[in-house]
Every structure is written in C-alpha cells, then in structure tokens.
Amino acid sequence: MKKRAILSMLLVLSLILVGIPELQYPVMAASIELKGTDIYNGLRGQSFNEGWKFYKGDVNNGQSINYDDSNWSDVTLPHDWSIFNSFNQRSPAGDGGGYLDGGIGWYRKTC
C-alpha cells in the first residue's frame, strides 16, 4: 500500500512538472528579452504593437490600402493620443476620461 501511494505521488509530481513550460525549455525561455508591452505566447507569434501610423482627426478613405499615410505619426501600441491634449475641467468625458477631450483619430498598419 505504501509503495502504491509513493508511485501515485511521483506520477502526480511528474505531471505537474511536465505542464510548466519554463521547466521544459529553460534555455529558450531565459534567452528571450520581452519588452514591457509584449506578451509571451510560446514563441509562435510576433508583436502586433509596432509599425502603426496615427493621425489625429478624420480622413476620407483612411481604410484604403492605397491611402498615403506618409505624413502620419509613427506610434507603438498601446498608444493614447488624448494625453497630448490639454486638461479641460468641462470636458464631456469628465473625471472618467481624465478631463481630456476625445475626438476622432485614425490608426493604420500595413504589412
């Protein structure tokens, strides 16, 4: 009976250890340096946060593939354009929006 309990404990422990990715690939996990906004996803993807363009205001056909966004700002997500506005105690957003006026802004990313 004691032997069966010990074997059961070893089996449970081995199943727990197999489920921890850092223990499966310690060299690979230790050699990756992540940025603050990156999300570790098992090394199967790439960051979607870089390579964005931003324009504060409205544009016509901004969704078009051929749209010329060369004069837009280069940004990395997450990006909060409203923080560049002046604080306004009468802002419709109120304290929930940090007393910052909103508006329309466009983000674009192309491959």
PDB file of N, CA and C in Angstrom:
ATOM      1  N   MET A   1       0.824  -1.196   0.000  1.00  0.00           N
ATOM      2  CA  MET A   1       0.000   0.000   0.000  1.00  0.00           C
ATOM      3  C   MET A   1       0.863   1.253   0.000  1.00  0.00           C
ATOM      4  N   LYS A   2       1.927   1.241   0.789  1.00  0.00           N
ATOM      5  CA  LYS A   2       2.833   2.373   0.851  1.00  0.00           C
ATOM      6  C   LYS A   2       3.516   2.596  -0.494  1.00  0.00           C
ATOM      7  N   LYS A   3       3.851   1.510  -1.159  1.00  0.00           N
ATOM      8  CA  LYS A   3       4.514   1.583  -2.460  1.00  0.00           C
ATOM      9  C   LYS A   3       3.578   2.226  -3.499  1.00  0.00           C
ATOM     10  N   ARG A   4       2.310   1.859  -3.455  1.00  0.00           N
ATOM     11  CA  ARG A   4       1.330   2.408  -4.378  1.00  0.00           C
ATOM     12  C   ARG A   4       1.138   3.911  -4.142  1.00  0.00           C
ATOM     13  N   ALA A   5       1.117   4.355  -2.900  1.00  0.00           N
ATOM     14  CA  ALA A   5       0.966   5.767  -2.566  1.00  0.00           C
ATOM     15  C   ALA A   5       2.178   6.574  -3.062  1.00  0.00           C
ATOM     16  N   ILE A   6       3.368   6.025  -2.904  1.00  0.00           N
ATOM     17  CA  ILE A   6       4.582   6.705  -3.354  1.00  0.00           C
ATOM     18  C   ILE A   6       4.590   6.820  -4.875  1.00  0.00           C
ATOM     19  N   LEU A   7       4.218   5.741  -5.559  1.00  0.00           N
ATOM     20  CA  LEU A   7       4.154   5.774  -7.015  1.00  0.00           C
ATOM     21  C   LEU A   7       3.105   6.777  -7.505  1.00  0.00           C
ATOM     22  N   SER A   8       1.981   6.842  -6.826  1.00  0.00           N
ATOM     23  CA  SER A   8       0.937   7.804  -7.193  1.00  0.00           C
ATOM     24  C   SER A   8       1.439   9.235  -7.021  1.00  0.00           C
ATOM     25  N   MET A   9       2.153   9.515  -5.936  1.00  0.00           N
ATOM     26  CA  MET A   9       2.705  10.852  -5.672  1.00  0.00           C
ATOM     27  C   MET A   9       3.727  11.217  -6.751  1.00  0.00           C
ATOM     28  N   LEU A  10       4.582  10.259  -7.148  1.00  0.00           N
ATOM     29  CA  LEU A  10       5.571  10.519  -8.181  1.00  0.00           C
ATOM     30  C   LEU A  10       4.905  10.804  -9.524  1.00  0.00           C
ATOM     31  N   LEU A  11       3.842  10.084  -9.814  1.00  0.00           N
ATOM     32  CA  LEU A  11       3.112  10.310 -11.056  1.00  0.00           C
ATOM     33  C   LEU A  11       2.497  11.714 -11.072  1.00  0.00           C
ATOM     34  N   VAL A  12       1.865  12.107  -9.994  1.00  0.00           N
ATOM     35  CA  VAL A  12       1.257  13.441  -9.910  1.00  0.00           C
ATOM     36  C   VAL A  12       2.331  14.524 -10.040  1.00  0.00           C
ATOM     37  N   LEU A  13       3.453  14.357  -9.350  1.00  0.00           N
ATOM     38  CA  LEU A  13       4.540  15.328  -9.413  1.00  0.00           C
ATOM     39  C   LEU A  13       5.099  15.447 -10.828  1.00  0.00           C
ATOM     40  N   SER A  14       5.273  14.313 -11.502  1.00  0.00           N
ATOM     41  CA  SER A  14       5.801  14.362 -12.871  1.00  0.00           C
ATOM     42  C   SER A  14       4.818  15.035 -13.817  1.00  0.00           C
ATOM     43  N   LEU A  15       3.513  14.843 -13.641  1.00  0.00           N
ATOM     44  CA  LEU A  15       2.511  15.508 -14.471  1.00  0.00           C
ATOM     45  C   LEU A  15       2.520  17.019 -14.236  1.00  0.00           C
ATOM     46  N   ILE A  16       2.724  17.435 -13.007  1.00  0.00           N
ATOM     47  CA  ILE A  16       2.804  18.861 -12.699  1.00  0.00           C
ATOM     48  C   ILE A  16       4.029  19.470 -13.364  1.00  0.00           C
ATOM     49  N   LEU A  17       5.174  18.814 -13.268  1.00  0.00           N
ATOM     50  CA  LEU A  17       6.410  19.350 -13.841  1.00  0.00           C
ATOM     51  C   LEU A  17       6.364  19.410 -15.362  1.00  0.00           C
ATOM     52  N   VAL A  18       5.699  18.465 -15.993  1.00  0.00           N
ATOM     53  CA  VAL A  18       5.591  18.449 -17.448  1.00  0.00           C
ATOM     54  C   VAL A  18       4.746  19.624 -17.929  1.00  0.00           C
ATOM     55  N   GLY A  19       3.806  20.085 -17.128  1.00  0.00           N
ATOM     56  CA  GLY A  19       2.915  21.170 -17.508  1.00  0.00           C
ATOM     57  C   GLY A  19       3.514  22.555 -17.349  1.00  0.00           C
ATOM     58  N   ILE A  20       4.729  22.702 -16.849  1.00  0.00           N
ATOM     59  CA  ILE A  20       5.348  24.013 -16.652  1.00  0.00           C
ATOM     60  C   ILE A  20       6.304  24.280 -17.804  1.00  0.00           C
ATOM     61  N   PRO A  21       5.959  25.220 -18.719  1.00  0.00           N
ATOM     62  CA  PRO A  21       6.784  25.448 -19.907  1.00  0.00           C
ATOM     63  C   PRO A  21       8.198  25.931 -19.593  1.00  0.00           C
ATOM     64  N   GLU A  22       8.378  26.735 -18.540  1.00  0.00           N
ATOM     65  CA  GLU A  22       9.710  27.243 -18.228  1.00  0.00           C
ATOM     66  C   GLU A  22      10.668  26.105 -17.872  1.00  0.00           C
ATOM     67  N   LEU A  23      10.135  25.034 -17.321  1.00  0.00           N
ATOM     68  CA  LEU A  23      10.982  23.906 -16.969  1.00  0.00           C
ATOM     69  C   LEU A  23      11.259  23.020 -18.181  1.00  0.00           C
ATOM     70  N   GLN A  24      10.372  23.037 -19.161  1.00  0.00           N
ATOM     71  CA  GLN A  24      10.586  22.226 -20.355  1.00  0.00           C
ATOM     72  C   GLN A  24      11.687  22.819 -21.225  1.00  0.00           C
ATOM     73  N   TYR A  25      11.727  24.136 -21.341  1.00  0.00           N
ATOM     74  CA  TYR A  25      12.668  24.815 -22.229  1.00  0.00           C
ATOM     75  C   TYR A  25      13.401  25.934 -21.487  1.00  0.00           C
ATOM     76  N   PRO A  26      14.200  25.611 -20.468  1.00  0.00           N
ATOM     77  CA  PRO A  26      14.808  26.671 -19.654  1.00  0.00           C
ATOM     78  C   PRO A  26      15.771  27.555 -20.422  1.00  0.00           C
ATOM     79  N   VAL A  27      16.531  27.024 -21.372  1.00  0.00           N
ATOM     80  CA  VAL A  27      17.492  27.842 -22.110  1.00  0.00           C
ATOM     81  C   VAL A  27      16.763  28.805 -23.033  1.00  0.00           C
ATOM     82  N   MET A  28      15.729  28.312 -23.739  1.00  0.00           N
ATOM     83  CA  MET A  28      14.990  29.140 -24.676  1.00  0.00           C
ATOM     84  C   MET A  28      14.262  30.265 -23.933  1.00  0.00           C
ATOM     85  N   ALA A  29      13.608  29.957 -22.837  1.00  0.00           N
ATOM     86  CA  ALA A  29      12.857  30.961 -22.097  1.00  0.00           C
ATOM     87  C   ALA A  29      13.787  32.005 -21.496  1.00  0.00           C
ATOM     88  N   ALA A  30      14.961  31.622 -21.080  1.00  0.00           N
ATOM     89  CA  ALA A  30      15.886  32.560 -20.452  1.00  0.00           C
ATOM     90  C   ALA A  30      16.552  33.470 -21.469  1.00  0.00           C
ATOM     91  N   SER A  31      16.622  33.083 -22.731  1.00  0.00           N
ATOM     92  CA  SER A  31      17.337  33.870 -23.727  1.00  0.00           C
ATOM     93  C   SER A  31      16.456  34.897 -24.429  1.00  0.00           C
ATOM     94  N   ILE A  32      15.181  34.975 -24.098  1.00  0.00           N
ATOM     95  CA  ILE A  32      14.266  35.890 -24.757  1.00  0.00           C
ATOM     96  C   ILE A  32      14.060  37.106 -23.869  1.00  0.00           C
ATOM     97  N   GLU A  33      14.286  38.277 -24.435  1.00  0.00           N
ATOM     98  CA  GLU A  33      14.051  39.505 -23.689  1.00  0.00           C
ATOM     99  C   GLU A  33      12.780  40.151 -24.223  1.00  0.00           C
ATOM    100  N   LEU A  34      11.774  40.253 -23.365  1.00  0.00           N
ATOM    101  CA  LEU A  34      10.499  40.810 -23.782  1.00  0.00           C
ATOM    102  C   LEU A  34      10.427  42.281 -23.414  1.00  0.00           C
ATOM    103  N   LYS A  35       9.762  43.068 -24.260  1.00  0.00           N
ATOM    104  CA  LYS A  35       9.514  44.469 -23.959  1.00  0.00           C
ATOM    105  C   LYS A  35       8.310  44.547 -23.035  1.00  0.00           C
ATOM    106  N   GLY A  36       8.120  45.697 -22.444  1.00  0.00           N
ATOM    107  CA  GLY A  36       7.026  45.880 -21.493  1.00  0.00           C
ATOM    108  C   GLY A  36       5.649  45.597 -22.059  1.00  0.00           C
ATOM    109  N   THR A  37       5.461  45.810 -23.348  1.00  0.00           N
ATOM    110  CA  THR A  37       4.132  45.619 -23.922  1.00  0.00           C
ATOM    111  C   THR A  37       3.983  44.282 -24.628  1.00  0.00           C
ATOM    112  N   ASP A  38       5.060  43.510 -24.696  1.00  0.00           N
ATOM    113  CA  ASP A  38       4.987  42.212 -25.360  1.00  0.00           C
ATOM    114  C   ASP A  38       4.274  41.188 -24.484  1.00  0.00           C
ATOM    115  N   ILE A  39       3.654  40.251 -25.120  1.00  0.00           N
ATOM    116  CA  ILE A  39       3.015  39.151 -24.406  1.00  0.00           C
ATOM    117  C   ILE A  39       3.685  37.863 -24.848  1.00  0.00           C
ATOM    118  N   TYR A  40       4.195  37.091 -23.898  1.00  0.00           N
ATOM    119  CA  TYR A  40       4.828  35.813 -24.218  1.00  0.00           C
ATOM    120  C   TYR A  40       3.755  34.849 -24.677  1.00  0.00           C
ATOM    121  N   ASN A  41       3.906  34.311 -25.860  1.00  0.00           N
ATOM    122  CA  ASN A  41       2.878  33.405 -26.378  1.00  0.00           C
ATOM    123  C   ASN A  41       3.478  32.109 -26.899  1.00  0.00           C
ATOM    124  N   GLY A  42       4.491  31.610 -26.239  1.00  0.00           N
ATOM    125  CA  GLY A  42       5.068  30.342 -26.642  1.00  0.00           C
ATOM    126  C   GLY A  42       5.954  30.446 -27.863  1.00  0.00           C
ATOM    127  N   LEU A  43       6.429  31.624 -28.186  1.00  0.00           N
ATOM    128  CA  LEU A  43       7.345  31.855 -29.310  1.00  0.00           C
ATOM    129  C   LEU A  43       6.711  31.562 -30.658  1.00  0.00           C
ATOM    130  N   ARG A  44       5.396  31.561 -30.745  1.00  0.00           N
ATOM    131  CA  ARG A  44       4.743  31.251 -32.010  1.00  0.00           C
ATOM    132  C   ARG A  44       4.275  32.495 -32.750  1.00  0.00           C
ATOM    133  N   GLY A  45       4.413  33.640 -32.168  1.00  0.00           N
ATOM    134  CA  GLY A  45       3.895  34.840 -32.801  1.00  0.00           C
ATOM    135  C   GLY A  45       4.891  35.967 -32.763  1.00  0.00           C
ATOM    136  N   GLN A  46       4.442  37.107 -33.183  1.00  0.00           N
ATOM    137  CA  GLN A  46       5.278  38.286 -33.122  1.00  0.00           C
ATOM    138  C   GLN A  46       4.430  39.433 -32.596  1.00  0.00           C
ATOM    139  N   SER A  47       5.086  40.463 -32.119  1.00  0.00           N
ATOM    140  CA  SER A  47       4.376  41.595 -31.560  1.00  0.00           C
ATOM    141  C   SER A  47       3.569  42.299 -32.643  1.00  0.00           C
ATOM    142  N   PHE A  48       2.356  42.610 -32.332  1.00  0.00           N
ATOM    143  CA  PHE A  48       1.482  43.340 -33.245  1.00  0.00           C
ATOM    144  C   PHE A  48       1.499  44.830 -32.906  1.00  0.00           C
ATOM    145  N   ASN A  49       2.275  45.214 -31.891  1.00  0.00           N
ATOM    146  CA  ASN A  49       2.234  46.559 -31.344  1.00  0.00           C
ATOM    147  C   ASN A  49       3.071  47.570 -32.104  1.00  0.00           C
ATOM    148  N   GLU A  50       3.998  47.148 -32.931  1.00  0.00           N
ATOM    149  CA  GLU A  50       4.889  48.077 -33.613  1.00  0.00           C
ATOM    150  C   GLU A  50       4.461  48.285 -35.064  1.00  0.00           C
ATOM    151  N   GLY A  51       4.914  49.409 -35.649  1.00  0.00           N
ATOM    152  CA  GLY A  51       4.652  49.658 -37.060  1.00  0.00           C
ATOM    153  C   GLY A  51       3.332  50.340 -37.357  1.00  0.00           C
ATOM    154  N   TRP A  52       2.752  51.001 -36.386  1.00  0.00           N
ATOM    155  CA  TRP A  52       1.479  51.685 -36.579  1.00  0.00           C
ATOM    156  C   TRP A  52       1.699  53.132 -36.986  1.00  0.00           C
ATOM    157  N   LYS A  53       0.724  53.696 -37.688  1.00  0.00           N
ATOM    158  CA  LYS A  53       0.677  55.113 -38.054  1.00  0.00           C
ATOM    159  C   LYS A  53      -0.562  55.700 -37.379  1.00  0.00           C
ATOM    160  N   PHE A  54      -0.450  56.978 -36.990  1.00  0.00           N
ATOM    161  CA  PHE A  54      -1.574  57.633 -36.321  1.00  0.00           C
ATOM    162  C   PHE A  54      -1.784  59.033 -36.884  1.00  0.00           C
ATOM    163  N   TYR A  55      -3.069  59.404 -37.021  1.00  0.00           N
ATOM    164  CA  TYR A  55      -3.446  60.755 -37.428  1.00  0.00           C
ATOM    165  C   TYR A  55      -4.567  61.214 -36.512  1.00  0.00           C
ATOM    166  N   LYS A  56      -4.375  62.359 -35.871  1.00  0.00           N
ATOM    167  CA  LYS A  56      -5.420  62.924 -35.019  1.00  0.00           C
ATOM    168  C   LYS A  56      -6.338  63.760 -35.897  1.00  0.00           C
ATOM    169  N   GLY A  57      -7.557  63.304 -36.032  1.00  0.00           N
ATOM    170  CA  GLY A  57      -8.545  63.964 -36.884  1.00  0.00           C
ATOM    171  C   GLY A  57      -9.232  62.933 -37.750  1.00  0.00           C
ATOM    172  N   ASP A  58     -10.061  63.390 -38.649  1.00  0.00           N
ATOM    173  CA  ASP A  58     -10.791  62.483 -39.529  1.00  0.00           C
ATOM    174  C   ASP A  58     -10.219  62.572 -40.941  1.00  0.00           C
ATOM    175  N   VAL A  59     -10.285  61.493 -41.670  1.00  0.00           N
ATOM    176  CA  VAL A  59      -9.819  61.443 -43.060  1.00  0.00           C
ATOM    177  C   VAL A  59     -10.851  60.697 -43.890  1.00  0.00           C
ATOM    178  N   ASN A  60     -10.833  60.924 -45.173  1.00  0.00           N
ATOM    179  CA  ASN A  60     -11.691  60.178 -46.090  1.00  0.00           C
ATOM    180  C   ASN A  60     -10.903  59.000 -46.651  1.00  0.00           C
ATOM    181  N   ASN A  61     -11.511  57.826 -46.654  1.00  0.00           N
ATOM    182  CA  ASN A  61     -10.919  56.607 -47.213  1.00  0.00           C
ATOM    183  C   ASN A  61      -9.636  56.173 -46.512  1.00  0.00           C
ATOM    184  N   GLY A  62      -9.525  56.459 -45.231  1.00  0.00           N
ATOM    185  CA  GLY A  62      -8.346  56.048 -44.477  1.00  0.00           C
ATOM    186  C   GLY A  62      -8.160  54.542 -44.418  1.00  0.00           C
ATOM    187  N   GLN A  63      -9.198  53.799 -44.678  1.00  0.00           N
ATOM    188  CA  GLN A  63      -9.117  52.338 -44.663  1.00  0.00           C
ATOM    189  C   GLN A  63      -8.586  51.775 -45.972  1.00  0.00           C
ATOM    190  N   SER A  64      -8.454  52.600 -46.981  1.00  0.00           N
ATOM    191  CA  SER A  64      -7.998  52.149 -48.290  1.00  0.00           C
ATOM    192  C   SER A  64      -6.533  51.713 -48.247  1.00  0.00           C
ATOM    193  N   ILE A  65      -6.223  50.620 -48.905  1.00  0.00           N
ATOM    194  CA  ILE A  65      -4.853  50.105 -48.941  1.00  0.00           C
ATOM    195  C   ILE A  65      -3.911  51.116 -49.574  1.00  0.00           C
ATOM    196  N   ASN A  66      -4.375  51.852 -50.556  1.00  0.00           N
ATOM    197  CA  ASN A  66      -3.537  52.799 -51.291  1.00  0.00           C
ATOM    198  C   ASN A  66      -3.488  54.192 -50.656  1.00  0.00           C
ATOM    199  N   TYR A  67      -4.091  54.365 -49.497  1.00  0.00           N
ATOM    200  CA  TYR A  67      -4.112  55.677 -48.854  1.00  0.00           C
ATOM    201  C   TYR A  67      -2.688  56.099 -48.469  1.00  0.00           C
ATOM    202  N   ASP A  68      -2.328  57.356 -48.726  1.00  0.00           N
ATOM    203  CA  ASP A  68      -0.993  57.867 -48.420  1.00  0.00           C
ATOM    204  C   ASP A  68      -0.956  58.373 -46.979  1.00  0.00           C
ATOM    205  N   ASP A  69      -0.337  57.585 -46.103  1.00  0.00           N
ATOM    206  CA  ASP A  69      -0.217  57.975 -44.695  1.00  0.00           C
ATOM    207  C   ASP A  69       1.222  58.366 -44.347  1.00  0.00           C
ATOM    208  N   SER A  70       1.987  58.781 -45.335  1.00  0.00           N
ATOM    209  CA  SER A  70       3.409  59.074 -45.112  1.00  0.00           C
ATOM    210  C   SER A  70       3.634  60.248 -44.170  1.00  0.00           C
ATOM    211  N   ASN A  71       2.652  61.147 -44.042  1.00  0.00           N
ATOM    212  CA  ASN A  71       2.826  62.270 -43.126  1.00  0.00           C
ATOM    213  C   ASN A  71       2.204  62.010 -41.750  1.00  0.00           C
ATOM    214  N   TRP A  72       1.746  60.811 -41.502  1.00  0.00           N
ATOM    215  CA  TRP A  72       1.184  60.454 -40.205  1.00  0.00           C
ATOM    216  C   TRP A  72       2.313  60.153 -39.223  1.00  0.00           C
ATOM    217  N   SER A  73       1.999  60.175 -37.939  1.00  0.00           N
ATOM    218  CA  SER A  73       2.981  59.879 -36.890  1.00  0.00           C
ATOM    219  C   SER A  73       3.194  58.377 -36.754  1.00  0.00           C
ATOM    220  N   ASP A  74       4.440  57.973 -36.529  1.00  0.00           N
ATOM    221  CA  ASP A  74       4.751  56.571 -36.222  1.00  0.00           C
ATOM    222  C   ASP A  74       4.512  56.355 -34.736  1.00  0.00           C
ATOM    223  N   VAL A  75       3.739  55.335 -34.397  1.00  0.00           N
ATOM    224  CA  VAL A  75       3.445  55.044 -32.992  1.00  0.00           C
ATOM    225  C   VAL A  75       3.567  53.551 -32.724  1.00  0.00           C
ATOM    226  N   THR A  76       3.754  53.226 -31.474  1.00  0.00           N
ATOM    227  CA  THR A  76       3.756  51.848 -30.986  1.00  0.00           C
ATOM    228  C   THR A  76       2.607  51.707 -30.005  1.00  0.00           C
ATOM    229  N   LEU A  77       1.855  50.649 -30.117  1.00  0.00           N
ATOM    230  CA  LEU A  77       0.737  50.409 -29.207  1.00  0.00           C
ATOM    231  C   LEU A  77       1.227  49.783 -27.910  1.00  0.00           C
ATOM    232  N   PRO A  78       0.571  49.987 -26.814  1.00  0.00           N
ATOM    233  CA  PRO A  78      -0.602  50.827 -26.647  1.00  0.00           C
ATOM    234  C   PRO A  78      -0.244  52.305 -26.777  1.00  0.00           C
ATOM    235  N   HIS A  79      -1.173  53.070 -27.298  1.00  0.00           N
ATOM    236  CA  HIS A  79      -0.969  54.496 -27.559  1.00  0.00           C
ATOM    237  C   HIS A  79      -2.248  55.235 -27.188  1.00  0.00           C
ATOM    238  N   ASP A  80      -2.117  56.294 -26.424  1.00  0.00           N
ATOM    239  CA  ASP A  80      -3.278  57.078 -26.015  1.00  0.00           C
ATOM    240  C   ASP A  80      -3.066  58.508 -26.466  1.00  0.00           C
ATOM    241  N   TRP A  81      -3.603  58.847 -27.611  1.00  0.00           N
ATOM    242  CA  TRP A  81      -3.361  60.175 -28.161  1.00  0.00           C
ATOM    243  C   TRP A  81      -4.000  61.278 -27.354  1.00  0.00           C
ATOM    244  N   SER A  82      -5.027  60.995 -26.582  1.00  0.00           N
ATOM    245  CA  SER A  82      -5.713  62.057 -25.844  1.00  0.00           C
ATOM    246  C   SER A  82      -4.840  62.660 -24.742  1.00  0.00           C
ATOM    247  N   ILE A  83      -3.796  61.953 -24.306  1.00  0.00           N
ATOM    248  CA  ILE A  83      -2.955  62.507 -23.241  1.00  0.00           C
ATOM    249  C   ILE A  83      -2.140  63.709 -23.729  1.00  0.00           C
ATOM    250  N   PHE A  84      -2.076  63.930 -25.035  1.00  0.00           N
ATOM    251  CA  PHE A  84      -1.372  65.096 -25.559  1.00  0.00           C
ATOM    252  C   PHE A  84      -2.271  66.334 -25.596  1.00  0.00           C
ATOM    253  N   ASN A  85      -3.558  66.158 -25.294  1.00  0.00           N
ATOM    254  CA  ASN A  85      -4.482  67.292 -25.224  1.00  0.00           C
ATOM    255  C   ASN A  85      -4.303  68.027 -23.902  1.00  0.00           C
ATOM    256  N   SER A  86      -4.800  69.237 -23.840  1.00  0.00           N
ATOM    257  CA  SER A  86      -4.805  69.988 -22.587  1.00  0.00           C
ATOM    258  C   SER A  86      -5.926  69.472 -21.697  1.00  0.00           C
ATOM    259  N   PHE A  87      -5.729  69.540 -20.391  1.00  0.00           N
ATOM    260  CA  PHE A  87      -6.779  69.146 -19.458  1.00  0.00           C
ATOM    261  C   PHE A  87      -7.898  70.183 -19.514  1.00  0.00           C
ATOM    262  N   ASN A  88      -9.130  69.706 -19.423  1.00  0.00           N
ATOM    263  CA  ASN A  88     -10.297  70.569 -19.537  1.00  0.00           C
ATOM    264  C   ASN A  88     -11.320  70.123 -18.502  1.00  0.00           C
ATOM    265  N   GLN A  89     -11.535  70.949 -17.488  1.00  0.00           N
ATOM    266  CA  GLN A  89     -12.483  70.563 -16.438  1.00  0.00           C
ATOM    267  C   GLN A  89     -13.911  70.458 -16.954  1.00  0.00           C
ATOM    268  N   ARG A  90     -14.191  71.055 -18.103  1.00  0.00           N
ATOM    269  CA  ARG A  90     -15.531  70.985 -18.698  1.00  0.00           C
ATOM    270  C   ARG A  90     -15.623  69.915 -19.788  1.00  0.00           C
ATOM    271  N   SER A  91     -14.633  69.060 -19.865  1.00  0.00           N
ATOM    272  CA  SER A  91     -14.621  68.015 -20.886  1.00  0.00           C
ATOM    273  C   SER A  91     -15.841  67.106 -20.741  1.00  0.00           C
ATOM    274  N   PRO A  92     -16.491  66.752 -21.845  1.00  0.00           N
ATOM    275  CA  PRO A  92     -17.629  65.826 -21.763  1.00  0.00           C
ATOM    276  C   PRO A  92     -17.245  64.484 -21.130  1.00  0.00           C
ATOM    277  N   ALA A  93     -15.980  64.129 -21.208  1.00  0.00           N
ATOM    278  CA  ALA A  93     -15.539  62.863 -20.628  1.00  0.00           C
ATOM    279  C   ALA A  93     -15.507  62.919 -19.101  1.00  0.00           C
ATOM    280  N   GLY A  94     -15.411  64.121 -18.529  1.00  0.00           N
ATOM    281  CA  GLY A  94     -15.387  64.274 -17.079  1.00  0.00           C
ATOM    282  C   GLY A  94     -14.172  63.605 -16.459  1.00  0.00           C
ATOM    283  N   ASP A  95     -14.292  63.290 -15.170  1.00  0.00           N
ATOM    284  CA  ASP A  95     -13.153  62.677 -14.480  1.00  0.00           C
ATOM    285  C   ASP A  95     -12.908  61.252 -14.956  1.00  0.00           C
ATOM    286  N   GLY A  96     -13.929  60.580 -15.496  1.00  0.00           N
ATOM    287  CA  GLY A  96     -13.751  59.226 -16.024  1.00  0.00           C
ATOM    288  C   GLY A  96     -12.840  59.193 -17.243  1.00  0.00           C
ATOM    289  N   GLY A  97     -12.756  60.310 -17.957  1.00  0.00           N
ATOM    290  CA  GLY A  97     -11.884  60.421 -19.119  1.00  0.00           C
ATOM    291  C   GLY A  97     -10.654  61.249 -18.821  1.00  0.00           C
ATOM    292  N   GLY A  98     -10.390  61.467 -17.516  1.00  0.00           N
ATOM    293  CA  GLY A  98      -9.204  62.209 -17.110  1.00  0.00           C
ATOM    294  C   GLY A  98      -9.271  63.678 -17.484  1.00  0.00           C
ATOM    295  N   TYR A  99     -10.486  64.202 -17.652  1.00  0.00           N
ATOM    296  CA  TYR A  99     -10.686  65.596 -18.073  1.00  0.00           C
ATOM    297  C   TYR A  99      -9.958  65.902 -19.382  1.00  0.00           C
ATOM    298  N   LEU A 100      -9.907  64.925 -20.252  1.00  0.00           N
ATOM    299  CA  LEU A 100      -9.276  65.091 -21.564  1.00  0.00           C
ATOM    300  C   LEU A 100     -10.343  64.949 -22.643  1.00  0.00           C
ATOM    301  N   ASP A 101     -10.364  65.902 -23.546  1.00  0.00           N
ATOM    302  CA  ASP A 101     -11.333  65.840 -24.647  1.00  0.00           C
ATOM    303  C   ASP A 101     -10.962  64.711 -25.593  1.00  0.00           C
ATOM    304  N   GLY A 102     -11.957  64.076 -26.101  1.00  0.00           N
ATOM    305  CA  GLY A 102     -11.742  62.994 -27.066  1.00  0.00           C
ATOM    306  C   GLY A 102     -11.743  63.545 -28.470  1.00  0.00           C
ATOM    307  N   GLY A 103     -12.307  62.802 -29.355  1.00  0.00           N
ATOM    308  CA  GLY A 103     -12.370  63.224 -30.745  1.00  0.00           C
ATOM    309  C   GLY A 103     -12.174  62.033 -31.651  1.00  0.00           C
ATOM    310  N   ILE A 104     -11.772  62.309 -32.867  1.00  0.00           N
ATOM    311  CA  ILE A 104     -11.576  61.252 -33.857  1.00  0.00           C
ATOM    312  C   ILE A 104     -10.085  61.136 -34.139  1.00  0.00           C
ATOM    313  N   GLY A 105      -9.632  59.928 -34.199  1.00  0.00           N
ATOM    314  CA  GLY A 105      -8.241  59.642 -34.569  1.00  0.00           C
ATOM    315  C   GLY A 105      -8.191  58.357 -35.366  1.00  0.00           C
ATOM    316  N   TRP A 106      -7.250  58.283 -36.272  1.00  0.00           N
ATOM    317  CA  TRP A 106      -7.108  57.115 -37.120  1.00  0.00           C
ATOM    318  C   TRP A 106      -5.797  56.408 -36.822  1.00  0.00           C
ATOM    319  N   TYR A 107      -5.850  55.069 -36.792  1.00  0.00           N
ATOM    320  CA  TYR A 107      -4.669  54.224 -36.703  1.00  0.00           C
ATOM    321  C   TYR A 107      -4.624  53.356 -37.953  1.00  0.00           C
ATOM    322  N   ARG A 108      -3.441  53.174 -38.505  1.00  0.00           N
ATOM    323  CA  ARG A 108      -3.262  52.308 -39.680  1.00  0.00           C
ATOM    324  C   ARG A 108      -2.035  51.450 -39.483  1.00  0.00           C
ATOM    325  N   LYS A 109      -2.106  50.249 -39.998  1.00  0.00           N
ATOM    326  CA  LYS A 109      -0.955  49.355 -40.006  1.00  0.00           C
ATOM    327  C   LYS A 109      -0.977  48.598 -41.315  1.00  0.00           C
ATOM    328  N   THR A 110       0.165  48.563 -41.977  1.00  0.00           N
ATOM    329  CA  THR A 110       0.286  47.788 -43.214  1.00  0.00           C
ATOM    330  C   THR A 110       1.463  46.836 -43.072  1.00  0.00           C
ATOM    331  N   CYS A 111       1.417  45.782 -43.832  1.00  0.00           N
ATOM    332  CA  CYS A 111       2.489  44.780 -43.755  1.00  0.00           C
ATOM    333  C   CYS A 111       3.549  45.035 -44.800  1.00  0.00           C
TER     334      CYS A 111
END
